[in-house]
């Protein structure tokens, strides 16, 4: 499914699925093959690393300086190239990764790409996923660790028609909702607002059913769907999922426990260069967007300009405004973990200190 296609403006952004619908290993390996598109100055694939450790140990003193030798590295994005990856593309374009000692490949994601599986396999060193995805992946035995976030809150939302009578999440009963029924945010919203009579409809990634049914709602992202709906002159309202109380980090960067244990200098280099890229993209998005479009020509520059403007508060607001780009807090992680346990998505709550670390972020 494409995020947006100029010939089909009713195609929506990426589907919001529970992360842990993992692809088969064969599909994973195919995604890493020579047929995948990437942004890199070196075509060579990164070497696999040793088996994972069971915990995320503290970085050694080697992490205090960037590696001197240029080493190949890959980050698996969480969707096709788009402004939500602006910091990574800026870090490539401005040479921040190279300056940090990394020959970085940006591997696009998509509906058949599991960033968690690819990184866990050693075919890539870094990946992107939503915060709840990382918690579920760890429950499934995948030893990944969040090391920074691109978005302080997720732009995931539910869209409704202005004249549908919907004003808040509690008003969804009796309405059709085009949503992935296994999505973690939907499990939380259903339980909290007692949406026993909301009609769950299969989300296909398209907006056409929502546009044609004035009483329905659909999932989407405030950084993309509004652009398409405005073009279609649809009068709509938005319920941001974070406003329901389900406030996950979006576009979280992660690596493996083994990578932290064995190559903390590379992890630190990646995080610092990525943060520097985001800080550059903040004021220079129109300079960087053409390089993003080269990897996703279906997305027009006008939509990229719209998305970049919409995402700025998600990237640089909240805790990032005072604590620095990419920052995460223990309180936020613990809150989401508890919510996932409450709705049955997680069976148990493990030590949150194993789930994420801020040790590699630049000091504010």
Protein backbone atom coordinates (compact mmCIF):
# COMPACT_ATOMS: atom_id res chain seq x y z
CA UNK A 1 0.00 0.00 0.00
CA UNK A 2 1.30 3.39 -0.92
CA UNK A 3 1.23 6.31 1.44
CA UNK A 4 -0.03 8.69 -1.21
CA UNK A 5 -0.26 8.52 -4.96
CA UNK A 6 -1.06 11.56 -7.11
CA UNK A 7 -3.14 9.38 -9.39
CA UNK A 8 -5.11 7.95 -6.49
CA UNK A 9 -5.57 10.61 -3.80
CA UNK A 10 -7.75 8.38 -1.66
CA UNK A 11 -4.84 6.15 -0.75
CA UNK A 12 -3.96 6.80 2.88
CA UNK A 13 -0.80 6.58 4.90
CA UNK A 14 0.71 3.46 6.39
CA UNK A 15 -1.69 1.15 8.22
CA UNK A 16 -1.49 1.30 12.01
CA UNK A 17 -1.16 -2.38 12.90
CA UNK A 18 0.01 -4.06 16.05
CA UNK A 19 3.70 -4.31 15.30
CA UNK A 20 4.00 -7.91 16.10
CA UNK A 21 2.58 -9.39 12.99
CA UNK A 22 6.03 -10.53 11.98
CA UNK A 23 6.95 -11.50 8.45
CA UNK A 24 8.56 -14.81 7.64
CA UNK A 25 12.34 -14.98 7.69
CA UNK A 26 12.39 -15.46 3.92
CA UNK A 27 10.56 -12.19 3.42
CA UNK A 28 12.91 -10.52 5.85
CA UNK A 29 15.96 -11.67 3.94
CA UNK A 30 14.43 -10.58 0.67
CA UNK A 31 13.94 -7.11 2.10
CA UNK A 32 17.65 -6.96 2.85
CA UNK A 33 18.73 -8.08 -0.60
CA UNK A 34 20.20 -6.09 -3.43
CA UNK A 35 16.74 -5.23 -4.75
CA UNK A 36 15.91 -2.91 -1.85
CA UNK A 37 16.42 0.81 -2.27
CA UNK A 38 18.64 2.69 0.12
CA UNK A 39 20.56 5.89 0.68
CA UNK A 40 24.25 5.18 1.12
CA UNK A 41 27.67 5.96 -0.26
CA UNK A 42 28.61 2.30 -0.03
CA UNK A 43 26.69 -0.66 -1.54
CA UNK A 44 28.20 -3.18 0.82
CA UNK A 45 25.95 -4.84 3.37
CA UNK A 46 26.83 -4.52 7.08
CA UNK A 47 28.32 -7.60 8.67
CA UNK A 48 26.29 -9.69 11.06
CA UNK A 49 27.23 -9.51 14.70
CA UNK A 50 27.42 -12.00 17.55
CA UNK A 51 24.42 -13.44 19.40
CA UNK A 52 22.49 -11.10 21.65
CA UNK A 53 23.15 -10.62 25.31
CA UNK A 54 20.26 -10.91 27.73
CA UNK A 55 20.40 -7.35 29.03
CA UNK A 56 21.32 -3.82 27.86
CA UNK A 57 24.60 -3.06 29.67
CA UNK A 58 26.02 0.39 30.13
CA UNK A 59 28.24 1.74 27.36
CA UNK A 60 32.00 1.46 27.80
CA UNK A 61 34.32 4.43 27.83
CA UNK A 62 34.84 3.90 24.09
CA UNK A 63 31.37 5.43 23.62
CA UNK A 64 32.63 8.85 24.63
CA UNK A 65 34.15 9.45 21.21
CA UNK A 66 32.92 8.74 17.69
CA UNK A 67 34.67 5.88 15.89
CA UNK A 68 37.55 7.01 13.70
CA UNK A 69 37.21 4.32 11.05
CA UNK A 70 34.28 4.53 8.62
CA UNK A 71 32.11 1.45 9.16
CA UNK A 72 28.99 0.42 7.22
CA UNK A 73 25.68 0.60 9.07
CA UNK A 74 21.99 0.33 8.20
CA UNK A 75 18.82 1.74 9.76
CA UNK A 76 15.53 0.14 8.74
CA UNK A 77 12.90 2.86 8.47
CA UNK A 78 9.34 2.22 9.63
CA UNK A 79 7.76 3.04 6.26
CA UNK A 80 8.60 4.23 2.77
CA UNK A 81 10.75 7.37 2.76
CA UNK A 82 8.83 10.40 4.05
CA UNK A 83 9.31 13.55 6.16
CA UNK A 84 8.93 11.47 9.31
CA UNK A 85 12.47 10.32 8.40
CA UNK A 86 13.68 13.84 7.71
CA UNK A 87 16.37 13.75 10.37
CA UNK A 88 17.94 10.63 8.88
CA UNK A 89 17.95 12.01 5.36
CA UNK A 90 19.42 15.28 6.62
CA UNK A 91 22.16 13.39 8.46
CA UNK A 92 23.06 11.62 5.21
CA UNK A 93 22.85 14.74 3.04
CA UNK A 94 24.92 16.91 5.39
CA UNK A 95 27.52 14.23 6.07
CA UNK A 96 26.75 13.89 9.79
CA UNK A 97 26.86 10.10 9.70
CA UNK A 98 30.15 10.12 7.77
CA UNK A 99 31.61 12.63 10.22
CA UNK A 100 30.61 10.26 13.03
CA UNK A 101 32.35 7.34 11.32
CA UNK A 102 29.28 5.64 9.79
CA UNK A 103 28.63 4.85 6.14
CA UNK A 104 24.87 4.84 6.66
CA UNK A 105 22.27 3.07 4.54
CA UNK A 106 18.62 4.09 4.96
CA UNK A 107 16.54 1.00 4.21
CA UNK A 108 12.88 1.81 3.47
CA UNK A 109 10.18 -0.05 5.33
CA UNK A 110 6.75 -1.02 4.13
CA UNK A 111 3.83 -3.37 4.79
CA UNK A 112 5.99 -6.47 4.24
CA UNK A 113 9.06 -5.26 6.15
CA UNK A 114 9.62 -5.99 9.84
CA UNK A 115 12.31 -3.69 11.16
CA UNK A 116 12.48 -5.59 14.45
CA UNK A 117 13.11 -8.93 12.73
CA UNK A 118 15.73 -7.49 10.38
CA UNK A 119 17.66 -5.79 13.16
CA UNK A 120 17.38 -8.81 15.45
CA UNK A 121 18.80 -10.99 12.67
CA UNK A 122 21.93 -8.82 12.41
CA UNK A 123 21.14 -7.75 8.84
CA UNK A 124 20.87 -4.15 10.07
CA UNK A 125 22.22 -2.39 13.14
CA UNK A 126 19.36 0.05 13.76
CA UNK A 127 15.62 0.29 13.15
CA UNK A 128 12.51 2.39 13.73
CA UNK A 129 9.23 1.33 15.33
CA UNK A 130 6.55 2.77 17.58
CA UNK A 131 7.08 2.54 21.32
CA UNK A 132 4.36 -0.05 21.88
CA UNK A 133 5.85 -2.16 19.09
CA UNK A 134 9.13 -2.33 20.96
CA UNK A 135 7.45 -3.43 24.17
CA UNK A 136 5.59 -6.20 22.37
CA UNK A 137 8.71 -7.27 20.48
CA UNK A 138 10.58 -7.73 23.73
CA UNK A 139 7.74 -9.84 25.08
CA UNK A 140 8.16 -12.02 22.00
CA UNK A 141 11.81 -12.57 22.90
CA UNK A 142 13.38 -10.03 20.53
CA UNK A 143 16.14 -8.29 22.56
CA UNK A 144 15.87 -4.77 21.15
CA UNK A 145 16.41 -1.55 23.09
CA UNK A 146 15.04 1.92 22.34
CA UNK A 147 17.88 4.47 22.10
CA UNK A 148 16.10 7.68 20.97
CA UNK A 149 12.77 8.80 19.54
CA UNK A 150 12.00 10.92 16.51
CA UNK A 151 8.52 11.87 17.75
CA UNK A 152 7.64 12.88 21.30
CA UNK A 153 4.09 11.72 20.67
CA UNK A 154 2.50 9.78 17.88
CA UNK A 155 0.58 11.56 15.07
CA UNK A 156 -1.80 8.58 14.91
CA UNK A 157 -5.42 9.71 14.99
CA UNK A 158 -9.04 8.89 14.20
CA UNK A 159 -10.78 11.08 11.60
CA UNK A 160 -14.52 11.76 11.56
CA UNK A 161 -16.91 13.80 9.44
CA UNK A 162 -17.78 17.20 10.89
CA UNK A 163 -21.53 16.54 10.71
CA UNK A 164 -21.36 12.98 12.11
CA UNK A 165 -22.13 13.99 15.69
CA UNK A 166 -18.74 12.79 16.92
CA UNK A 167 -16.98 15.15 19.32
CA UNK A 168 -14.91 12.81 21.49
CA UNK A 169 -13.81 9.18 21.74
CA UNK A 170 -16.87 8.32 23.83
CA UNK A 171 -19.09 9.19 20.83
CA UNK A 172 -17.82 6.32 18.65
CA UNK A 173 -20.50 3.82 19.70
CA UNK A 174 -22.87 3.18 16.83
CA UNK A 175 -20.38 4.37 14.22
CA UNK A 176 -18.33 2.41 11.73
CA UNK A 177 -14.63 2.71 12.49
CA UNK A 178 -12.13 1.70 9.82
CA UNK A 179 -9.30 0.46 12.01
CA UNK A 180 -6.91 -2.43 12.43
CA UNK A 181 -8.77 -4.36 15.12
CA UNK A 182 -5.53 -5.64 16.68
CA UNK A 183 -3.91 -2.19 16.89
CA UNK A 184 -2.79 -1.53 20.45
CA UNK A 185 -4.20 2.00 20.52
CA UNK A 186 -7.62 0.69 19.50
CA UNK A 187 -7.58 -1.93 22.25
CA UNK A 188 -6.90 0.83 24.77
CA UNK A 189 -9.54 3.24 23.42
CA UNK A 190 -12.21 0.53 23.21
CA UNK A 191 -11.74 -0.47 26.82
CA UNK A 192 -11.37 3.03 28.28
CA UNK A 193 -14.43 4.47 26.52
CA UNK A 194 -16.54 1.27 26.61
CA UNK A 195 -17.02 1.16 22.85
CA UNK A 196 -19.00 -2.07 22.83
CA UNK A 197 -21.22 -1.01 19.94
CA UNK A 198 -18.64 0.65 17.72
CA UNK A 199 -18.59 -1.23 14.41
CA UNK A 200 -15.05 -2.27 13.59
CA UNK A 201 -14.49 -2.20 9.84
CA UNK A 202 -11.41 -3.55 8.10
CA UNK A 203 -8.87 -0.82 7.50
CA UNK A 204 -7.44 -1.15 3.97
CA UNK A 205 -5.10 1.82 3.88
CA UNK A 206 -7.53 3.75 1.66
CA UNK A 207 -9.82 6.66 2.46
CA UNK A 208 -12.53 6.00 -0.11
CA UNK A 209 -14.86 4.13 2.28
CA UNK A 210 -14.55 6.86 4.89
CA UNK A 211 -15.16 9.62 2.34
CA UNK A 212 -18.30 7.90 1.03
CA UNK A 213 -19.81 7.15 4.47
CA UNK A 214 -20.49 10.40 6.33
CA UNK A 215 -21.10 8.60 9.64
CA UNK A 216 -17.86 6.60 9.65
CA UNK A 217 -14.40 7.18 11.10
CA UNK A 218 -10.99 6.03 9.96
CA UNK A 219 -7.56 5.72 11.47
CA UNK A 220 -4.74 7.75 9.99
CA UNK A 221 -1.99 10.25 10.68
CA UNK A 222 -2.41 13.98 11.17
CA UNK A 223 0.78 14.45 9.15
CA UNK A 224 -0.74 13.02 5.97
CA UNK A 225 -4.47 12.29 5.79
CA UNK A 226 -5.50 15.95 6.22
CA UNK A 227 -3.60 16.84 3.06
CA UNK A 228 -5.62 14.33 1.04
CA UNK A 229 -8.93 15.15 2.73
CA UNK A 230 -8.43 18.87 2.13
CA UNK A 231 -7.82 18.15 -1.55
CA UNK A 232 -11.08 16.20 -1.62
CA UNK A 233 -12.86 19.08 0.16
CA UNK A 234 -13.98 16.75 2.94
CA UNK A 235 -14.97 18.49 6.16
CA UNK A 236 -13.50 16.42 8.95
CA UNK A 237 -12.51 16.47 12.59
CA UNK A 238 -9.60 14.77 14.32
CA UNK A 239 -9.22 12.76 17.51
CA UNK A 240 -5.50 12.44 18.24
CA UNK A 241 -4.86 9.05 19.85
CA UNK A 242 -2.50 10.62 22.37
CA UNK A 243 -5.39 12.72 23.68
CA UNK A 244 -7.14 9.52 24.75
CA UNK A 245 -4.37 8.90 27.25
CA UNK A 246 -2.53 6.41 25.04
CA UNK A 247 0.58 8.52 24.58
CA UNK A 248 3.27 6.40 22.95
CA UNK A 249 6.54 7.56 21.47
CA UNK A 250 6.41 7.46 17.67
CA UNK A 251 9.22 6.56 15.29
CA UNK A 252 11.50 5.20 18.03
CA UNK A 253 15.07 4.31 17.07
CA UNK A 254 16.27 1.00 18.44
CA UNK A 255 19.15 -1.41 18.31
CA UNK A 256 19.95 -4.74 19.93
CA UNK A 257 21.36 -5.52 23.33
CA UNK A 258 24.36 -7.09 21.62
CA UNK A 259 25.04 -3.95 19.60
CA UNK A 260 25.06 -1.87 22.78
CA UNK A 261 27.37 -4.35 24.48
CA UNK A 262 29.80 -4.79 21.60
CA UNK A 263 29.71 -1.49 19.69
CA UNK A 264 28.57 1.30 22.02
CA UNK A 265 30.72 3.77 20.09
CA UNK A 266 28.71 3.10 16.93
CA UNK A 267 25.41 3.38 18.77
CA UNK A 268 26.47 6.72 20.22
CA UNK A 269 27.64 7.90 16.81
CA UNK A 270 24.31 6.94 15.23
CA UNK A 271 22.20 8.66 17.89
CA UNK A 272 24.23 11.86 17.94
CA UNK A 273 24.33 12.17 14.13
CA UNK A 274 20.59 11.44 13.87
CA UNK A 275 19.74 14.08 16.48
CA UNK A 276 21.96 16.54 14.63
CA UNK A 277 20.12 15.65 11.42
CA UNK A 278 16.74 16.35 13.01
CA UNK A 279 17.93 19.67 14.36
CA UNK A 280 19.02 20.60 10.83
CA UNK A 281 15.81 19.37 9.22
CA UNK A 282 13.78 21.61 11.53
CA UNK A 283 14.79 24.73 9.61
CA UNK A 284 15.80 23.20 6.27
CA UNK A 285 13.11 20.65 5.42
CA UNK A 286 12.55 22.01 1.91
CA UNK A 287 16.25 21.54 1.18
CA UNK A 288 16.18 17.90 2.30
CA UNK A 289 12.76 16.85 0.97
CA UNK A 290 13.90 16.33 -2.67
CA UNK A 291 16.32 13.62 -1.48
CA UNK A 292 13.41 11.94 0.32
CA UNK A 293 11.29 12.16 -2.83
CA UNK A 294 14.01 10.44 -4.83
CA UNK A 295 13.33 7.36 -2.72
CA UNK A 296 9.53 7.80 -2.71
CA UNK A 297 8.50 9.52 -5.97
CA UNK A 298 4.81 8.77 -5.29
CA UNK A 299 4.85 11.46 -2.60
CA UNK A 300 4.82 14.98 -3.99
CA UNK A 301 6.94 17.80 -2.60
CA UNK A 302 3.79 19.74 -1.74
CA UNK A 303 2.63 16.92 0.52
CA UNK A 304 6.13 16.63 2.00
CA UNK A 305 6.07 20.33 2.83
CA UNK A 306 2.70 19.85 4.54
CA UNK A 307 3.88 16.80 6.49
CA UNK A 308 7.11 18.42 7.61
CA UNK A 309 5.25 21.44 8.96
CA UNK A 310 2.72 19.26 10.78
CA UNK A 311 5.32 17.04 12.43
CA UNK A 312 7.51 19.77 13.93
CA UNK A 313 5.63 19.96 17.22
CA UNK A 314 5.67 16.17 17.46
CA UNK A 315 9.46 16.14 17.07
CA UNK A 316 10.51 19.24 18.97
CA UNK A 317 7.65 19.79 21.42
CA UNK A 318 6.98 18.13 24.76
CA UNK A 319 10.08 17.06 26.68
CA UNK A 320 12.27 17.70 23.63
CA UNK A 321 11.72 21.44 24.01
CA UNK A 322 13.60 21.50 27.31
CA UNK A 323 15.54 18.22 27.42
CA UNK A 324 16.70 17.91 23.83
CA UNK A 325 15.72 16.24 20.57
CA UNK A 326 15.13 12.50 20.86
CA UNK A 327 14.73 12.38 24.64
CA UNK A 328 12.57 9.76 26.37
CA UNK A 329 11.48 9.36 29.99
CA UNK A 330 11.00 6.37 32.24
CA UNK A 331 7.58 7.63 33.34
CA UNK A 332 6.24 7.64 29.79
CA UNK A 333 7.53 4.15 29.05
CA UNK A 334 6.13 2.76 32.28
CA UNK A 335 2.72 4.32 31.62
CA UNK A 336 2.38 2.74 28.17
CA UNK A 337 3.65 -0.60 29.46
CA UNK A 338 1.01 -0.58 32.19
CA UNK A 339 -1.72 0.28 29.66
CA UNK A 340 -0.68 -2.62 27.43
CA UNK A 341 -0.77 -5.00 30.38
CA UNK A 342 -4.21 -3.70 31.36
CA UNK A 343 -5.69 -4.42 27.92
CA UNK A 344 -3.97 -7.79 27.60
CA UNK A 345 -1.53 -6.92 24.84
CA UNK A 346 1.36 -7.60 27.24
CA UNK A 347 1.30 -10.51 29.66
CA UNK A 348 3.74 -9.05 32.16
CA UNK A 349 5.65 -5.84 32.85
CA UNK A 350 9.40 -6.35 32.67
CA UNK A 351 11.94 -3.91 34.08
CA UNK A 352 11.57 -0.78 31.96
CA UNK A 353 15.31 -0.14 32.28
CA UNK A 354 15.82 -3.03 29.86
CA UNK A 355 13.44 -1.48 27.31
CA UNK A 356 15.09 1.88 26.67
CA UNK A 357 18.18 3.94 27.41
CA UNK A 358 19.06 7.62 27.02
CA UNK A 359 22.80 7.10 27.62
CA UNK A 360 23.66 7.77 23.98
CA UNK A 361 21.74 11.02 23.57
CA UNK A 362 23.73 14.27 23.41
CA UNK A 363 23.84 16.10 26.71
CA UNK A 364 21.52 19.10 26.74
